[in-house]
């Protein structure tokens, strides 16, 4: 597999995690929040779905950019 700027990049990993948690909080506010009277009756479902999409994108970016050890290309320590 070719190396891309996203692979093994800690900054992109943290950006992905922040996007994920911001999306989760926004989805909660838009989808579940109206039941707790945080917002008025004019809440749009599209905003909640966009927040879920942001959370999904953040999770994908974080999973591709997660820090990996240099041992991935080496033999495992359990090999005899």
PDB file of N, CA and C in Angstrom:
ATOM      1  N   UNK A   1       0.844  -1.179   0.000  1.00  0.00           N
ATOM      2  CA  UNK A   1       0.000   0.000   0.000  1.00  0.00           C
ATOM      3  C   UNK A   1       0.892   1.247   0.000  1.00  0.00           C
ATOM      4  N   UNK A   2       0.522   2.217  -0.770  1.00  0.00           N
ATOM      5  CA  UNK A   2       1.320   3.435  -0.849  1.00  0.00           C
ATOM      6  C   UNK A   2       1.084   4.306   0.375  1.00  0.00           C
ATOM      7  N   UNK A   3       2.129   5.045   0.739  1.00  0.00           N
ATOM      8  CA  UNK A   3       1.995   5.960   1.863  1.00  0.00           C
ATOM      9  C   UNK A   3       1.273   7.215   1.412  1.00  0.00           C
ATOM     10  N   UNK A   4       0.314   7.626   2.191  1.00  0.00           N
ATOM     11  CA  UNK A   4      -0.399   8.869   1.907  1.00  0.00           C
ATOM     12  C   UNK A   4      -0.188   9.814   3.089  1.00  0.00           C
ATOM     13  N   UNK A   5      -0.443  11.109   2.882  1.00  0.00           N
ATOM     14  CA  UNK A   5      -0.260  12.054   3.992  1.00  0.00           C
ATOM     15  C   UNK A   5      -1.185  11.786   5.179  1.00  0.00           C
ATOM     16  N   UNK A   6      -2.252  11.028   4.961  1.00  0.00           N
ATOM     17  CA  UNK A   6      -3.178  10.738   6.054  1.00  0.00           C
ATOM     18  C   UNK A   6      -2.681   9.624   6.962  1.00  0.00           C
ATOM     19  N   UNK A   7      -1.887   8.725   6.443  1.00  0.00           N
ATOM     20  CA  UNK A   7      -1.473   7.568   7.224  1.00  0.00           C
ATOM     21  C   UNK A   7      -0.434   7.967   8.262  1.00  0.00           C
ATOM     22  N   UNK A   8      -0.638   7.506   9.472  1.00  0.00           N
ATOM     23  CA  UNK A   8       0.298   7.680  10.577  1.00  0.00           C
ATOM     24  C   UNK A   8       0.605   9.157  10.840  1.00  0.00           C
ATOM     25  N   UNK A   9      -0.416   9.988  10.759  1.00  0.00           N
ATOM     26  CA  UNK A   9      -0.254  11.425  10.991  1.00  0.00           C
ATOM     27  C   UNK A   9      -1.024  11.786  12.263  1.00  0.00           C
ATOM     28  N   UNK A  10      -0.333  12.079  13.362  1.00  0.00           N
ATOM     29  CA  UNK A  10      -1.024  12.334  14.624  1.00  0.00           C
ATOM     30  C   UNK A  10      -1.931  13.558  14.589  1.00  0.00           C
ATOM     31  N   UNK A  11      -1.542  14.605  13.849  1.00  0.00           N
ATOM     32  CA  UNK A  11      -2.372  15.804  13.789  1.00  0.00           C
ATOM     33  C   UNK A  11      -3.706  15.515  13.108  1.00  0.00           C
ATOM     34  N   UNK A  12      -3.665  14.791  12.013  1.00  0.00           N
ATOM     35  CA  UNK A  12      -4.907  14.433  11.307  1.00  0.00           C
ATOM     36  C   UNK A  12      -5.742  13.500  12.164  1.00  0.00           C
ATOM     37  N   UNK A  13      -5.099  12.628  12.923  1.00  0.00           N
ATOM     38  CA  UNK A  13      -5.822  11.737  13.823  1.00  0.00           C
ATOM     39  C   UNK A  13      -6.630  12.541  14.847  1.00  0.00           C
ATOM     40  N   UNK A  14      -5.990  13.553  15.478  1.00  0.00           N
ATOM     41  CA  UNK A  14      -6.695  14.352  16.474  1.00  0.00           C
ATOM     42  C   UNK A  14      -7.782  15.203  15.845  1.00  0.00           C
ATOM     43  N   UNK A  15      -7.548  15.698  14.639  1.00  0.00           N
ATOM     44  CA  UNK A  15      -8.594  16.450  13.937  1.00  0.00           C
ATOM     45  C   UNK A  15      -9.795  15.542  13.674  1.00  0.00           C
ATOM     46  N   UNK A  16      -9.530  14.299  13.281  1.00  0.00           N
ATOM     47  CA  UNK A  16     -10.612  13.338  13.065  1.00  0.00           C
ATOM     48  C   UNK A  16     -11.388  13.047  14.342  1.00  0.00           C
ATOM     49  N   UNK A  17     -10.676  12.906  15.453  1.00  0.00           N
ATOM     50  CA  UNK A  17     -11.363  12.665  16.728  1.00  0.00           C
ATOM     51  C   UNK A  17     -12.216  13.861  17.144  1.00  0.00           C
ATOM     52  N   UNK A  18     -11.681  15.070  16.942  1.00  0.00           N
ATOM     53  CA  UNK A  18     -12.452  16.267  17.285  1.00  0.00           C
ATOM     54  C   UNK A  18     -13.693  16.353  16.412  1.00  0.00           C
ATOM     55  N   UNK A  19     -13.553  16.099  15.119  1.00  0.00           N
ATOM     56  CA  UNK A  19     -14.723  16.107  14.232  1.00  0.00           C
ATOM     57  C   UNK A  19     -15.758  15.074  14.676  1.00  0.00           C
ATOM     58  N   UNK A  20     -15.279  13.903  15.078  1.00  0.00           N
ATOM     59  CA  UNK A  20     -16.196  12.856  15.522  1.00  0.00           C
ATOM     60  C   UNK A  20     -16.999  13.305  16.740  1.00  0.00           C
ATOM     61  N   UNK A  21     -16.307  13.831  17.747  1.00  0.00           N
ATOM     62  CA  UNK A  21     -17.018  14.216  18.970  1.00  0.00           C
ATOM     63  C   UNK A  21     -17.872  15.457  18.771  1.00  0.00           C
ATOM     64  N   UNK A  22     -17.434  16.393  17.944  1.00  0.00           N
ATOM     65  CA  UNK A  22     -18.274  17.554  17.630  1.00  0.00           C
ATOM     66  C   UNK A  22     -19.534  17.100  16.899  1.00  0.00           C
ATOM     67  N   UNK A  23     -19.388  16.154  15.987  1.00  0.00           N
ATOM     68  CA  UNK A  23     -20.556  15.624  15.287  1.00  0.00           C
ATOM     69  C   UNK A  23     -21.516  14.900  16.213  1.00  0.00           C
ATOM     70  N   UNK A  24     -20.980  14.142  17.165  1.00  0.00           N
ATOM     71  CA  UNK A  24     -21.833  13.433  18.123  1.00  0.00           C
ATOM     72  C   UNK A  24     -22.607  14.419  18.997  1.00  0.00           C
ATOM     73  N   UNK A  25     -21.922  15.452  19.486  1.00  0.00           N
ATOM     74  CA  UNK A  25     -22.596  16.451  20.331  1.00  0.00           C
ATOM     75  C   UNK A  25     -23.642  17.213  19.530  1.00  0.00           C
ATOM     76  N   UNK A  26     -23.303  17.588  18.304  1.00  0.00           N
ATOM     77  CA  UNK A  26     -24.267  18.311  17.475  1.00  0.00           C
ATOM     78  C   UNK A  26     -25.475  17.433  17.140  1.00  0.00           C
ATOM     79  N   UNK A  27     -25.227  16.165  16.859  1.00  0.00           N
ATOM     80  CA  UNK A  27     -26.342  15.254  16.585  1.00  0.00           C
ATOM     81  C   UNK A  27     -27.238  15.128  17.805  1.00  0.00           C
ATOM     82  N   UNK A  28     -26.640  15.060  18.982  1.00  0.00           N
ATOM     83  CA  UNK A  28     -27.456  14.987  20.195  1.00  0.00           C
ATOM     84  C   UNK A  28     -28.311  16.239  20.341  1.00  0.00           C
ATOM     85  N   UNK A  29     -27.705  17.390  20.099  1.00  0.00           N
ATOM     86  CA  UNK A  29     -28.460  18.641  20.250  1.00  0.00           C
ATOM     87  C   UNK A  29     -29.603  18.745  19.244  1.00  0.00           C
ATOM     88  N   UNK A  30     -29.376  18.292  18.021  1.00  0.00           N
ATOM     89  CA  UNK A  30     -30.404  18.441  16.997  1.00  0.00           C
ATOM     90  C   UNK A  30     -31.435  17.326  16.997  1.00  0.00           C
ATOM     91  N   UNK A  31     -31.054  16.121  17.387  1.00  0.00           N
ATOM     92  CA  UNK A  31     -31.995  15.006  17.307  1.00  0.00           C
ATOM     93  C   UNK A  31     -32.649  14.670  18.645  1.00  0.00           C
ATOM     94  N   UNK A  32     -31.887  14.714  19.719  1.00  0.00           N
ATOM     95  CA  UNK A  32     -32.428  14.336  21.021  1.00  0.00           C
ATOM     96  C   UNK A  32     -32.774  15.565  21.848  1.00  0.00           C
ATOM     97  N   UNK A  33     -32.059  16.657  21.641  1.00  0.00           N
ATOM     98  CA  UNK A  33     -32.257  17.877  22.407  1.00  0.00           C
ATOM     99  C   UNK A  33     -33.668  18.434  22.406  1.00  0.00           C
ATOM    100  N   UNK A  34     -34.395  18.392  21.283  1.00  0.00           N
ATOM    101  CA  UNK A  34     -35.754  18.951  21.291  1.00  0.00           C
ATOM    102  C   UNK A  34     -36.704  18.264  22.267  1.00  0.00           C
ATOM    103  N   UNK A  35     -36.427  17.014  22.589  1.00  0.00           N
ATOM    104  CA  UNK A  35     -37.283  16.316  23.543  1.00  0.00           C
ATOM    105  C   UNK A  35     -37.063  16.821  24.963  1.00  0.00           C
ATOM    106  N   UNK A  36     -35.944  17.477  25.182  1.00  0.00           N
ATOM    107  CA  UNK A  36     -35.646  18.046  26.487  1.00  0.00           C
ATOM    108  C   UNK A  36     -35.871  19.548  26.514  1.00  0.00           C
ATOM    109  N   UNK A  37     -36.531  20.076  25.515  1.00  0.00           N
ATOM    110  CA  UNK A  37     -36.910  21.485  25.417  1.00  0.00           C
ATOM    111  C   UNK A  37     -35.704  22.420  25.379  1.00  0.00           C
ATOM    112  N   UNK A  38     -34.612  21.960  24.761  1.00  0.00           N
ATOM    113  CA  UNK A  38     -33.460  22.844  24.582  1.00  0.00           C
ATOM    114  C   UNK A  38     -33.743  23.816  23.444  1.00  0.00           C
ATOM    115  N   UNK A  39     -34.348  23.301  22.386  1.00  0.00           N
ATOM    116  CA  UNK A  39     -34.705  24.119  21.236  1.00  0.00           C
ATOM    117  C   UNK A  39     -36.215  24.210  21.122  1.00  0.00           C
ATOM    118  N   UNK A  40     -36.655  25.095  20.275  1.00  0.00           N
ATOM    119  CA  UNK A  40     -38.082  25.222  20.006  1.00  0.00           C
ATOM    120  C   UNK A  40     -38.542  24.159  19.024  1.00  0.00           C
ATOM    121  N   UNK A  41     -39.777  24.289  18.530  1.00  0.00           N
ATOM    122  CA  UNK A  41     -40.322  23.270  17.639  1.00  0.00           C
ATOM    123  C   UNK A  41     -39.771  23.344  16.218  1.00  0.00           C
ATOM    124  N   UNK A  42     -38.964  24.353  15.897  1.00  0.00           N
ATOM    125  CA  UNK A  42     -38.475  24.515  14.530  1.00  0.00           C
ATOM    126  C   UNK A  42     -37.166  23.827  14.239  1.00  0.00           C
ATOM    127  N   UNK A  43     -36.893  22.685  14.850  1.00  0.00           N
ATOM    128  CA  UNK A  43     -35.644  21.972  14.646  1.00  0.00           C
ATOM    129  C   UNK A  43     -35.719  21.220  13.325  1.00  0.00           C
ATOM    130  N   UNK A  44     -34.667  21.298  12.562  1.00  0.00           N
ATOM    131  CA  UNK A  44     -34.627  20.631  11.264  1.00  0.00           C
ATOM    132  C   UNK A  44     -33.867  19.317  11.369  1.00  0.00           C
ATOM    133  N   UNK A  45     -34.469  18.268  10.855  1.00  0.00           N
ATOM    134  CA  UNK A  45     -33.847  16.947  10.884  1.00  0.00           C
ATOM    135  C   UNK A  45     -32.586  16.940  10.013  1.00  0.00           C
ATOM    136  N   UNK A  46     -32.574  17.757   8.960  1.00  0.00           N
ATOM    137  CA  UNK A  46     -31.410  17.783   8.074  1.00  0.00           C
ATOM    138  C   UNK A  46     -30.141  18.185   8.824  1.00  0.00           C
ATOM    139  N   UNK A  47     -30.282  19.065   9.793  1.00  0.00           N
ATOM    140  CA  UNK A  47     -29.112  19.465  10.577  1.00  0.00           C
ATOM    141  C   UNK A  47     -28.592  18.296  11.403  1.00  0.00           C
ATOM    142  N   UNK A  48     -29.476  17.528  11.962  1.00  0.00           N
ATOM    143  CA  UNK A  48     -29.067  16.353  12.731  1.00  0.00           C
ATOM    144  C   UNK A  48     -28.387  15.318  11.862  1.00  0.00           C
ATOM    145  N   UNK A  49     -28.920  15.116  10.657  1.00  0.00           N
ATOM    146  CA  UNK A  49     -28.291  14.169   9.745  1.00  0.00           C
ATOM    147  C   UNK A  49     -26.932  14.668   9.279  1.00  0.00           C
ATOM    148  N   UNK A  50     -26.799  15.973   9.065  1.00  0.00           N
ATOM    149  CA  UNK A  50     -25.491  16.537   8.710  1.00  0.00           C
ATOM    150  C   UNK A  50     -24.501  16.353   9.860  1.00  0.00           C
ATOM    151  N   UNK A  51     -24.967  16.475  11.083  1.00  0.00           N
ATOM    152  CA  UNK A  51     -24.093  16.266  12.240  1.00  0.00           C
ATOM    153  C   UNK A  51     -23.641  14.810  12.318  1.00  0.00           C
ATOM    154  N   UNK A  52     -24.526  13.880  12.025  1.00  0.00           N
ATOM    155  CA  UNK A  52     -24.149  12.465  11.998  1.00  0.00           C
ATOM    156  C   UNK A  52     -23.130  12.214  10.889  1.00  0.00           C
ATOM    157  N   UNK A  53     -23.300  12.874   9.753  1.00  0.00           N
ATOM    158  CA  UNK A  53     -22.343  12.752   8.658  1.00  0.00           C
ATOM    159  C   UNK A  53     -20.966  13.291   9.067  1.00  0.00           C
ATOM    160  N   UNK A  54     -20.940  14.412   9.781  1.00  0.00           N
ATOM    161  CA  UNK A  54     -19.669  14.966  10.269  1.00  0.00           C
ATOM    162  C   UNK A  54     -19.001  13.985  11.229  1.00  0.00           C
ATOM    163  N   UNK A  55     -19.785  13.364  12.092  1.00  0.00           N
ATOM    164  CA  UNK A  55     -19.230  12.378  13.024  1.00  0.00           C
ATOM    165  C   UNK A  55     -18.662  11.174  12.267  1.00  0.00           C
ATOM    166  N   UNK A  56     -19.366  10.727  11.225  1.00  0.00           N
ATOM    167  CA  UNK A  56     -18.889   9.589  10.446  1.00  0.00           C
ATOM    168  C   UNK A  56     -17.593   9.932   9.706  1.00  0.00           C
ATOM    169  N   UNK A  57     -17.538  11.118   9.127  1.00  0.00           N
ATOM    170  CA  UNK A  57     -16.317  11.542   8.431  1.00  0.00           C
ATOM    171  C   UNK A  57     -15.157  11.637   9.421  1.00  0.00           C
ATOM    172  N   UNK A  58     -15.411  12.185  10.583  1.00  0.00           N
ATOM    173  CA  UNK A  58     -14.364  12.265  11.602  1.00  0.00           C
ATOM    174  C   UNK A  58     -13.856  10.900  12.017  1.00  0.00           C
ATOM    175  N   UNK A  59     -14.760   9.944  12.150  1.00  0.00           N
ATOM    176  CA  UNK A  59     -14.346   8.589  12.534  1.00  0.00           C
ATOM    177  C   UNK A  59     -13.511   7.939  11.434  1.00  0.00           C
ATOM    178  N   UNK A  60     -13.895   8.141  10.185  1.00  0.00           N
ATOM    179  CA  UNK A  60     -13.132   7.566   9.075  1.00  0.00           C
ATOM    180  C   UNK A  60     -11.748   8.197   8.992  1.00  0.00           C
ATOM    181  N   UNK A  61     -11.688   9.521   9.103  1.00  0.00           N
ATOM    182  CA  UNK A  61     -10.392  10.209   9.042  1.00  0.00           C
ATOM    183  C   UNK A  61      -9.501   9.757  10.191  1.00  0.00           C
ATOM    184  N   UNK A  62     -10.058   9.652  11.388  1.00  0.00           N
ATOM    185  CA  UNK A  62      -9.261   9.217  12.539  1.00  0.00           C
ATOM    186  C   UNK A  62      -8.786   7.777  12.384  1.00  0.00           C
ATOM    187  N   UNK A  63      -9.605   6.926  11.785  1.00  0.00           N
ATOM    188  CA  UNK A  63      -9.188   5.534  11.630  1.00  0.00           C
ATOM    189  C   UNK A  63      -8.083   5.399  10.590  1.00  0.00           C
ATOM    190  N   UNK A  64      -8.112   6.215   9.535  1.00  0.00           N
ATOM    191  CA  UNK A  64      -7.049   6.149   8.542  1.00  0.00           C
ATOM    192  C   UNK A  64      -5.757   6.769   9.055  1.00  0.00           C
ATOM    193  N   UNK A  65      -5.855   7.766   9.907  1.00  0.00           N
ATOM    194  CA  UNK A  65      -4.674   8.504  10.351  1.00  0.00           C
ATOM    195  C   UNK A  65      -4.160   8.054  11.705  1.00  0.00           C
ATOM    196  N   UNK A  66      -4.711   7.006  12.263  1.00  0.00           N
ATOM    197  CA  UNK A  66      -4.300   6.619  13.612  1.00  0.00           C
ATOM    198  C   UNK A  66      -2.825   6.253  13.628  1.00  0.00           C
ATOM    199  N   UNK A  67      -2.153   6.645  14.683  1.00  0.00           N
ATOM    200  CA  UNK A  67      -0.713   6.350  14.781  1.00  0.00           C
ATOM    201  C   UNK A  67      -0.477   4.848  14.852  1.00  0.00           C
ATOM    202  N   UNK A  68       0.427   4.388  14.043  1.00  0.00           N
ATOM    203  CA  UNK A  68       0.791   2.980  14.016  1.00  0.00           C
ATOM    204  C   UNK A  68       2.265   2.857  14.350  1.00  0.00           C
ATOM    205  N   UNK A  69       2.587   1.802  15.015  1.00  0.00           N
ATOM    206  CA  UNK A  69       3.984   1.566  15.339  1.00  0.00           C
ATOM    207  C   UNK A  69       4.773   1.177  14.105  1.00  0.00           C
ATOM    208  N   UNK A  70       6.071   1.283  14.195  1.00  0.00           N
ATOM    209  CA  UNK A  70       6.917   0.905  13.064  1.00  0.00           C
ATOM    210  C   UNK A  70       6.978  -0.616  12.906  1.00  0.00           C
ATOM    211  N   UNK A  71       6.430  -1.331  13.854  1.00  0.00           N
ATOM    212  CA  UNK A  71       6.499  -2.797  13.830  1.00  0.00           C
ATOM    213  C   UNK A  71       5.502  -3.415  12.854  1.00  0.00           C
ATOM    214  N   UNK A  72       4.671  -2.621  12.210  1.00  0.00           N
ATOM    215  CA  UNK A  72       3.703  -3.212  11.288  1.00  0.00           C
ATOM    216  C   UNK A  72       4.392  -3.875  10.112  1.00  0.00           C
ATOM    217  N   UNK A  73       5.498  -3.338   9.658  1.00  0.00           N
ATOM    218  CA  UNK A  73       6.186  -3.927   8.524  1.00  0.00           C
ATOM    219  C   UNK A  73       7.163  -5.013   8.952  1.00  0.00           C
ATOM    220  N   UNK A  74       7.461  -5.079  10.233  1.00  0.00           N
ATOM    221  CA  UNK A  74       8.392  -6.077  10.741  1.00  0.00           C
ATOM    222  C   UNK A  74       7.640  -7.347  11.126  1.00  0.00           C
ATOM    223  N   UNK A  75       8.378  -8.385  11.381  1.00  0.00           N
ATOM    224  CA  UNK A  75       7.769  -9.639  11.825  1.00  0.00           C
ATOM    225  C   UNK A  75       7.227  -9.451  13.235  1.00  0.00           C
ATOM    226  N   UNK A  76       6.188 -10.167  13.545  1.00  0.00           N
ATOM    227  CA  UNK A  76       5.613 -10.059  14.880  1.00  0.00           C
ATOM    228  C   UNK A  76       6.540 -10.701  15.893  1.00  0.00           C
ATOM    229  N   UNK A  77       6.417 -10.313  17.137  1.00  0.00           N
ATOM    230  CA  UNK A  77       7.307 -10.832  18.164  1.00  0.00           C
ATOM    231  C   UNK A  77       6.964 -12.264  18.546  1.00  0.00           C
ATOM    232  N   UNK A  78       5.837 -12.769  18.067  1.00  0.00           N
ATOM    233  CA  UNK A  78       5.443 -14.129  18.394  1.00  0.00           C
ATOM    234  C   UNK A  78       5.955 -15.136  17.373  1.00  0.00           C
ATOM    235  N   UNK A  79       6.590 -14.659  16.307  1.00  0.00           N
ATOM    236  CA  UNK A  79       7.147 -15.591  15.326  1.00  0.00           C
ATOM    237  C   UNK A  79       8.324 -16.334  15.929  1.00  0.00           C
ATOM    238  N   UNK A  80       8.420 -17.603  15.572  1.00  0.00           N
ATOM    239  CA  UNK A  80       9.536 -18.412  16.100  1.00  0.00           C
ATOM    240  C   UNK A  80      10.540 -18.648  15.023  1.00  0.00           C
TER     241      UNK A  80
END
